[in-house]
Amino acid sequence: MERRVHIVGLSGHGKTTLVKELIPELTRRGLRVGSVKHTPHSYPIDQEGKDSRVHALAGAQPAAVICGANAGIFLSATTQSPDSEWWVTALAPSYSSCDLVIVEGCKTAKTAPIIEVWNSELAPQPLMVPGTCAIILRGELPKDIPAPLPPSSSCSPWLGIIPRTDLSAIADAVIKLSKL
């Protein structure tokens, strides 16, 4: 997953809605887009007692379940830190045919650019986590926030603030950041 961009932000700020709109826009532009939903919460993604869970607990790496036209692959960070990006390498073969992967979440990403969705009506200022290369603004820019915002310490290039209503400009930013 060499070409990936993380879409981050606080809960309720519109990350999922943006990703849902970005995927068809980028696909319309001829890109094959994959997606990953990353969450900091820990919960089982397979059901206790089901055969696929039994396989994984027995040590299968990976373990999978096939249900009609759907498939799920279960991977586990057995020796890696749960805060690391072990999953990037683990999932890479499944995304090898993608031009771009959009990851919703993972504010701690260290190996890919970050775009933050910020709703100024819900939070007084953006998170601006390290690696943030652009802010997608929902609402109005508060008067006490400098415009343009200074770039994150580890971002290159800094693309500034993009209005949430300008999906074309957001897609352009994703393409630029992914170096397509």
C-alpha atoms as a PDB file:
ATOM      1  CA  MET A   1       0.000   0.000   0.000  1.00  0.00           C
ATOM      2  CA  GLU A   2       2.559   2.506  -1.180  1.00  0.00           C
ATOM      3  CA  ARG A   3       0.008   5.089  -2.284  1.00  0.00           C
ATOM      4  CA  ARG A   4      -2.310   5.763   0.575  1.00  0.00           C
ATOM      5  CA  VAL A   5      -3.803   8.809   2.236  1.00  0.00           C
ATOM      6  CA  HIS A   6      -5.306   8.873   5.716  1.00  0.00           C
ATOM      7  CA  ILE A   7      -8.526  10.776   6.376  1.00  0.00           C
ATOM      8  CA  VAL A   8      -8.643  11.607  10.102  1.00  0.00           C
ATOM      9  CA  GLY A   9     -10.660  13.772  12.455  1.00  0.00           C
ATOM     10  CA  LEU A  10     -12.772  13.680  15.544  1.00  0.00           C
ATOM     11  CA  SER A  11     -15.882  11.517  15.745  1.00  0.00           C
ATOM     12  CA  GLY A  12     -18.863  13.085  13.986  1.00  0.00           C
ATOM     13  CA  HIS A  13     -16.821  15.476  11.831  1.00  0.00           C
ATOM     14  CA  GLY A  14     -17.654  13.730   8.538  1.00  0.00           C
ATOM     15  CA  LYS A  15     -14.795  11.352   7.750  1.00  0.00           C
ATOM     16  CA  THR A  16     -16.987   8.461   6.577  1.00  0.00           C
ATOM     17  CA  THR A  17     -19.214  10.733   4.517  1.00  0.00           C
ATOM     18  CA  LEU A  18     -16.171  12.265   2.836  1.00  0.00           C
ATOM     19  CA  VAL A  19     -14.645   8.851   2.064  1.00  0.00           C
ATOM     20  CA  LYS A  20     -18.006   7.663   0.714  1.00  0.00           C
ATOM     21  CA  GLU A  21     -18.047  10.625  -1.691  1.00  0.00           C
ATOM     22  CA  LEU A  22     -14.321  10.550  -2.562  1.00  0.00           C
ATOM     23  CA  ILE A  23     -14.253   6.931  -3.714  1.00  0.00           C
ATOM     24  CA  PRO A  24     -16.679   7.407  -6.645  1.00  0.00           C
ATOM     25  CA  GLU A  25     -15.052  10.762  -7.552  1.00  0.00           C
ATOM     26  CA  LEU A  26     -11.599   9.172  -7.744  1.00  0.00           C
ATOM     27  CA  THR A  27     -13.018   6.130  -9.556  1.00  0.00           C
ATOM     28  CA  ARG A  28     -14.664   8.466 -12.081  1.00  0.00           C
ATOM     29  CA  ARG A  29     -11.175   9.836 -12.731  1.00  0.00           C
ATOM     30  CA  GLY A  30     -10.008   6.358 -13.701  1.00  0.00           C
ATOM     31  CA  LEU A  31      -8.396   5.256 -10.434  1.00  0.00           C
ATOM     32  CA  ARG A  32      -8.863   1.907  -8.741  1.00  0.00           C
ATOM     33  CA  VAL A  33      -9.467   2.840  -5.102  1.00  0.00           C
ATOM     34  CA  GLY A  34      -9.268   0.592  -2.057  1.00  0.00           C
ATOM     35  CA  SER A  35     -10.270   1.551   1.461  1.00  0.00           C
ATOM     36  CA  VAL A  36      -9.398   0.616   5.019  1.00  0.00           C
ATOM     37  CA  LYS A  37     -11.324   1.619   8.146  1.00  0.00           C
ATOM     38  CA  HIS A  38      -8.900   1.959  11.071  1.00  0.00           C
ATOM     39  CA  THR A  39     -10.198   2.264  14.607  1.00  0.00           C
ATOM     40  CA  PRO A  40      -8.308   2.689  17.875  1.00  0.00           C
ATOM     41  CA  HIS A  41     -10.953   0.618  19.630  1.00  0.00           C
ATOM     42  CA  SER A  42     -10.246  -3.018  20.329  1.00  0.00           C
ATOM     43  CA  TYR A  43     -13.039  -5.481  19.694  1.00  0.00           C
ATOM     44  CA  PRO A  44     -13.282  -8.890  18.041  1.00  0.00           C
ATOM     45  CA  ILE A  45     -14.093  -8.734  14.342  1.00  0.00           C
ATOM     46  CA  ASP A  46     -14.991 -12.402  14.267  1.00  0.00           C
ATOM     47  CA  GLN A  47     -17.580 -14.162  16.413  1.00  0.00           C
ATOM     48  CA  GLU A  48     -16.570 -16.280  19.365  1.00  0.00           C
ATOM     49  CA  GLY A  49     -17.115 -19.984  18.702  1.00  0.00           C
ATOM     50  CA  LYS A  50     -17.371 -19.661  14.900  1.00  0.00           C
ATOM     51  CA  ASP A  51     -15.101 -21.906  12.826  1.00  0.00           C
ATOM     52  CA  SER A  52     -13.155 -19.000  11.310  1.00  0.00           C
ATOM     53  CA  ARG A  53     -12.383 -17.750  14.840  1.00  0.00           C
ATOM     54  CA  VAL A  54     -11.349 -21.256  15.899  1.00  0.00           C
ATOM     55  CA  HIS A  55      -8.941 -21.400  12.922  1.00  0.00           C
ATOM     56  CA  ALA A  56      -7.390 -18.037  13.846  1.00  0.00           C
ATOM     57  CA  LEU A  57      -7.064 -18.966  17.524  1.00  0.00           C
ATOM     58  CA  ALA A  58      -5.367 -22.191  16.472  1.00  0.00           C
ATOM     59  CA  GLY A  59      -2.672 -20.086  14.804  1.00  0.00           C
ATOM     60  CA  ALA A  60      -3.753 -19.743  11.170  1.00  0.00           C
ATOM     61  CA  GLN A  61      -2.217 -16.576   9.694  1.00  0.00           C
ATOM     62  CA  PRO A  62      -4.276 -15.459   7.871  1.00  0.00           C
ATOM     63  CA  ALA A  63      -7.638 -17.042   8.518  1.00  0.00           C
ATOM     64  CA  ALA A  64     -10.562 -16.300   6.206  1.00  0.00           C
ATOM     65  CA  VAL A  65     -14.296 -16.763   5.965  1.00  0.00           C
ATOM     66  CA  ILE A  66     -16.204 -16.939   2.674  1.00  0.00           C
ATOM     67  CA  CYS A  67     -19.948 -16.219   2.651  1.00  0.00           C
ATOM     68  CA  GLY A  68     -21.495 -16.365  -0.806  1.00  0.00           C
ATOM     69  CA  ALA A  69     -20.129 -13.346  -2.671  1.00  0.00           C
ATOM     70  CA  ASN A  70     -18.241 -11.944   0.347  1.00  0.00           C
ATOM     71  CA  ALA A  71     -14.924 -12.826   1.953  1.00  0.00           C
ATOM     72  CA  GLY A  72     -13.199 -11.668   5.110  1.00  0.00           C
ATOM     73  CA  ILE A  73      -9.555 -12.217   5.971  1.00  0.00           C
ATOM     74  CA  PHE A  74      -8.540 -12.122   9.629  1.00  0.00           C
ATOM     75  CA  LEU A  75      -5.013 -11.006  10.443  1.00  0.00           C
ATOM     76  CA  SER A  76      -3.514 -10.550  13.872  1.00  0.00           C
ATOM     77  CA  ALA A  77      -0.617  -8.483  15.178  1.00  0.00           C
ATOM     78  CA  THR A  78       0.813 -11.343  17.194  1.00  0.00           C
ATOM     79  CA  THR A  79       4.248  -9.844  17.835  1.00  0.00           C
ATOM     80  CA  GLN A  80       3.824  -6.261  16.685  1.00  0.00           C
ATOM     81  CA  SER A  81       2.767  -3.319  18.800  1.00  0.00           C
ATOM     82  CA  PRO A  82      -0.937  -2.532  18.334  1.00  0.00           C
ATOM     83  CA  ASP A  83       0.127   1.102  17.800  1.00  0.00           C
ATOM     84  CA  SER A  84       2.420   0.274  14.893  1.00  0.00           C
ATOM     85  CA  GLU A  85       1.513   0.104  11.231  1.00  0.00           C
ATOM     86  CA  TRP A  86       1.952  -3.692  10.988  1.00  0.00           C
ATOM     87  CA  TRP A  87      -1.290  -3.905   9.045  1.00  0.00           C
ATOM     88  CA  VAL A  88       0.126  -1.917   6.107  1.00  0.00           C
ATOM     89  CA  THR A  89       2.521  -4.744   5.230  1.00  0.00           C
ATOM     90  CA  ALA A  90       0.005  -7.447   6.131  1.00  0.00           C
ATOM     91  CA  LEU A  91      -2.718  -6.020   3.878  1.00  0.00           C
ATOM     92  CA  ALA A  92      -0.468  -4.902   1.000  1.00  0.00           C
ATOM     93  CA  PRO A  93      -0.984  -8.042  -1.154  1.00  0.00           C
ATOM     94  CA  SER A  94      -4.765  -7.585  -1.025  1.00  0.00           C
ATOM     95  CA  TYR A  95      -4.436  -3.993  -2.250  1.00  0.00           C
ATOM     96  CA  SER A  96      -1.732  -4.539  -4.884  1.00  0.00           C
ATOM     97  CA  SER A  97      -4.132  -3.836  -7.763  1.00  0.00           C
ATOM     98  CA  CYS A  98      -5.180  -0.473  -6.286  1.00  0.00           C
ATOM     99  CA  ASP A  99      -3.844   2.830  -7.556  1.00  0.00           C
ATOM    100  CA  LEU A 100      -4.679   4.414  -4.220  1.00  0.00           C
ATOM    101  CA  VAL A 101      -5.868   3.324  -0.775  1.00  0.00           C
ATOM    102  CA  ILE A 102      -7.882   5.661   1.413  1.00  0.00           C
ATOM    103  CA  VAL A 103      -7.521   4.874   5.108  1.00  0.00           C
ATOM    104  CA  GLU A 104     -10.231   6.316   7.307  1.00  0.00           C
ATOM    105  CA  GLY A 105      -8.567   6.883  10.649  1.00  0.00           C
ATOM    106  CA  CYS A 106      -5.139   6.186  12.172  1.00  0.00           C
ATOM    107  CA  LYS A 107      -4.108   9.594  13.488  1.00  0.00           C
ATOM    108  CA  THR A 108      -0.700   8.091  14.315  1.00  0.00           C
ATOM    109  CA  ALA A 109       0.188   7.266  10.691  1.00  0.00           C
ATOM    110  CA  LYS A 110       3.887   7.777  10.136  1.00  0.00           C
ATOM    111  CA  THR A 111       4.351   6.552   6.561  1.00  0.00           C
ATOM    112  CA  ALA A 112       1.530   8.296   4.674  1.00  0.00           C
ATOM    113  CA  PRO A 113       0.079  11.805   4.384  1.00  0.00           C
ATOM    114  CA  ILE A 114      -2.877  12.812   6.530  1.00  0.00           C
ATOM    115  CA  ILE A 115      -5.895  14.910   5.602  1.00  0.00           C
ATOM    116  CA  GLU A 116      -7.993  16.091   8.543  1.00  0.00           C
ATOM    117  CA  VAL A 117     -11.742  16.658   8.382  1.00  0.00           C
ATOM    118  CA  TRP A 118     -12.584  19.469  10.803  1.00  0.00           C
ATOM    119  CA  ASN A 119     -16.068  20.724  11.625  1.00  0.00           C
ATOM    120  CA  SER A 120     -15.538  24.171  13.132  1.00  0.00           C
ATOM    121  CA  GLU A 121     -19.031  24.059  14.624  1.00  0.00           C
ATOM    122  CA  LEU A 122     -18.079  21.019  16.753  1.00  0.00           C
ATOM    123  CA  ALA A 123     -14.470  21.793  17.737  1.00  0.00           C
ATOM    124  CA  PRO A 124     -12.746  25.167  18.188  1.00  0.00           C
ATOM    125  CA  GLN A 125      -9.626  24.142  16.248  1.00  0.00           C
ATOM    126  CA  PRO A 126      -8.300  21.250  14.159  1.00  0.00           C
ATOM    127  CA  LEU A 127      -6.220  18.453  15.679  1.00  0.00           C
ATOM    128  CA  MET A 128      -3.218  19.104  13.395  1.00  0.00           C
ATOM    129  CA  VAL A 129      -1.562  15.775  14.213  1.00  0.00           C
ATOM    130  CA  PRO A 130       1.968  15.286  12.827  1.00  0.00           C
ATOM    131  CA  GLY A 131       1.806  14.487   9.125  1.00  0.00           C
ATOM    132  CA  THR A 132      -1.313  16.585   8.449  1.00  0.00           C
ATOM    133  CA  CYS A 133      -1.060  17.988   4.927  1.00  0.00           C
ATOM    134  CA  ALA A 134      -4.508  19.538   4.498  1.00  0.00           C
ATOM    135  CA  ILE A 135      -7.599  20.494   6.450  1.00  0.00           C
ATOM    136  CA  ILE A 136     -11.048  19.839   5.004  1.00  0.00           C
ATOM    137  CA  LEU A 137     -13.208  22.480   6.651  1.00  0.00           C
ATOM    138  CA  ARG A 138     -16.889  21.960   7.404  1.00  0.00           C
ATOM    139  CA  GLY A 139     -18.369  25.237   8.556  1.00  0.00           C
ATOM    140  CA  GLU A 140     -16.733  28.650   8.786  1.00  0.00           C
ATOM    141  CA  LEU A 141     -13.123  29.387   9.693  1.00  0.00           C
ATOM    142  CA  PRO A 142     -13.180  30.918  13.195  1.00  0.00           C
ATOM    143  CA  LYS A 143     -11.803  34.464  13.341  1.00  0.00           C
ATOM    144  CA  ASP A 144      -9.189  33.506  15.957  1.00  0.00           C
ATOM    145  CA  ILE A 145      -7.644  30.815  13.718  1.00  0.00           C
ATOM    146  CA  PRO A 146      -4.838  32.151  11.494  1.00  0.00           C
ATOM    147  CA  ALA A 147      -5.431  31.710   7.796  1.00  0.00           C
ATOM    148  CA  PRO A 148      -3.634  29.971   6.345  1.00  0.00           C
ATOM    149  CA  LEU A 149      -2.930  27.557   9.157  1.00  0.00           C
ATOM    150  CA  PRO A 150       0.745  26.767   9.582  1.00  0.00           C
ATOM    151  CA  PRO A 151       1.715  23.348   8.212  1.00  0.00           C
ATOM    152  CA  SER A 152       2.221  20.323  10.387  1.00  0.00           C
ATOM    153  CA  SER A 153       5.862  19.715  11.257  1.00  0.00           C
ATOM    154  CA  SER A 154       6.212  16.607   9.095  1.00  0.00           C
ATOM    155  CA  CYS A 155       4.043  17.460   6.111  1.00  0.00           C
ATOM    156  CA  SER A 156       5.127  17.976   2.571  1.00  0.00           C
ATOM    157  CA  PRO A 157       3.481  19.519   0.663  1.00  0.00           C
ATOM    158  CA  TRP A 158       1.170  21.619   2.858  1.00  0.00           C
ATOM    159  CA  LEU A 159      -2.063  22.118   0.917  1.00  0.00           C
ATOM    160  CA  GLY A 160      -3.856  24.364   3.399  1.00  0.00           C
ATOM    161  CA  ILE A 161      -7.581  24.544   4.076  1.00  0.00           C
ATOM    162  CA  ILE A 162     -10.001  23.141   1.492  1.00  0.00           C
ATOM    163  CA  PRO A 163     -13.756  23.746   1.819  1.00  0.00           C
ATOM    164  CA  ARG A 164     -15.726  20.533   2.422  1.00  0.00           C
ATOM    165  CA  THR A 165     -18.107  21.592  -0.348  1.00  0.00           C
ATOM    166  CA  ASP A 166     -15.346  21.392  -2.992  1.00  0.00           C
ATOM    167  CA  LEU A 167     -15.106  17.629  -3.632  1.00  0.00           C
ATOM    168  CA  SER A 168     -13.116  18.159  -6.827  1.00  0.00           C
ATOM    169  CA  ALA A 169     -10.407  20.114  -4.962  1.00  0.00           C
ATOM    170  CA  ILE A 170     -10.350  17.471  -2.207  1.00  0.00           C
ATOM    171  CA  ALA A 171      -9.887  14.723  -4.831  1.00  0.00           C
ATOM    172  CA  ASP A 172      -7.099  16.783  -6.429  1.00  0.00           C
ATOM    173  CA  ALA A 173      -5.412  17.035  -3.013  1.00  0.00           C
ATOM    174  CA  VAL A 174      -5.666  13.268  -2.458  1.00  0.00           C
ATOM    175  CA  ILE A 175      -4.132  12.618  -5.879  1.00  0.00           C
ATOM    176  CA  LYS A 176      -1.320  15.118  -5.257  1.00  0.00           C
ATOM    177  CA  LEU A 177      -0.533  13.692  -1.820  1.00  0.00           C
ATOM    178  CA  SER A 178      -0.534  10.115  -3.113  1.00  0.00           C
ATOM    179  CA  LYS A 179       1.923  11.167  -5.860  1.00  0.00           C
ATOM    180  CA  LEU A 180      -0.231   9.743  -8.667  1.00  0.00           C
END
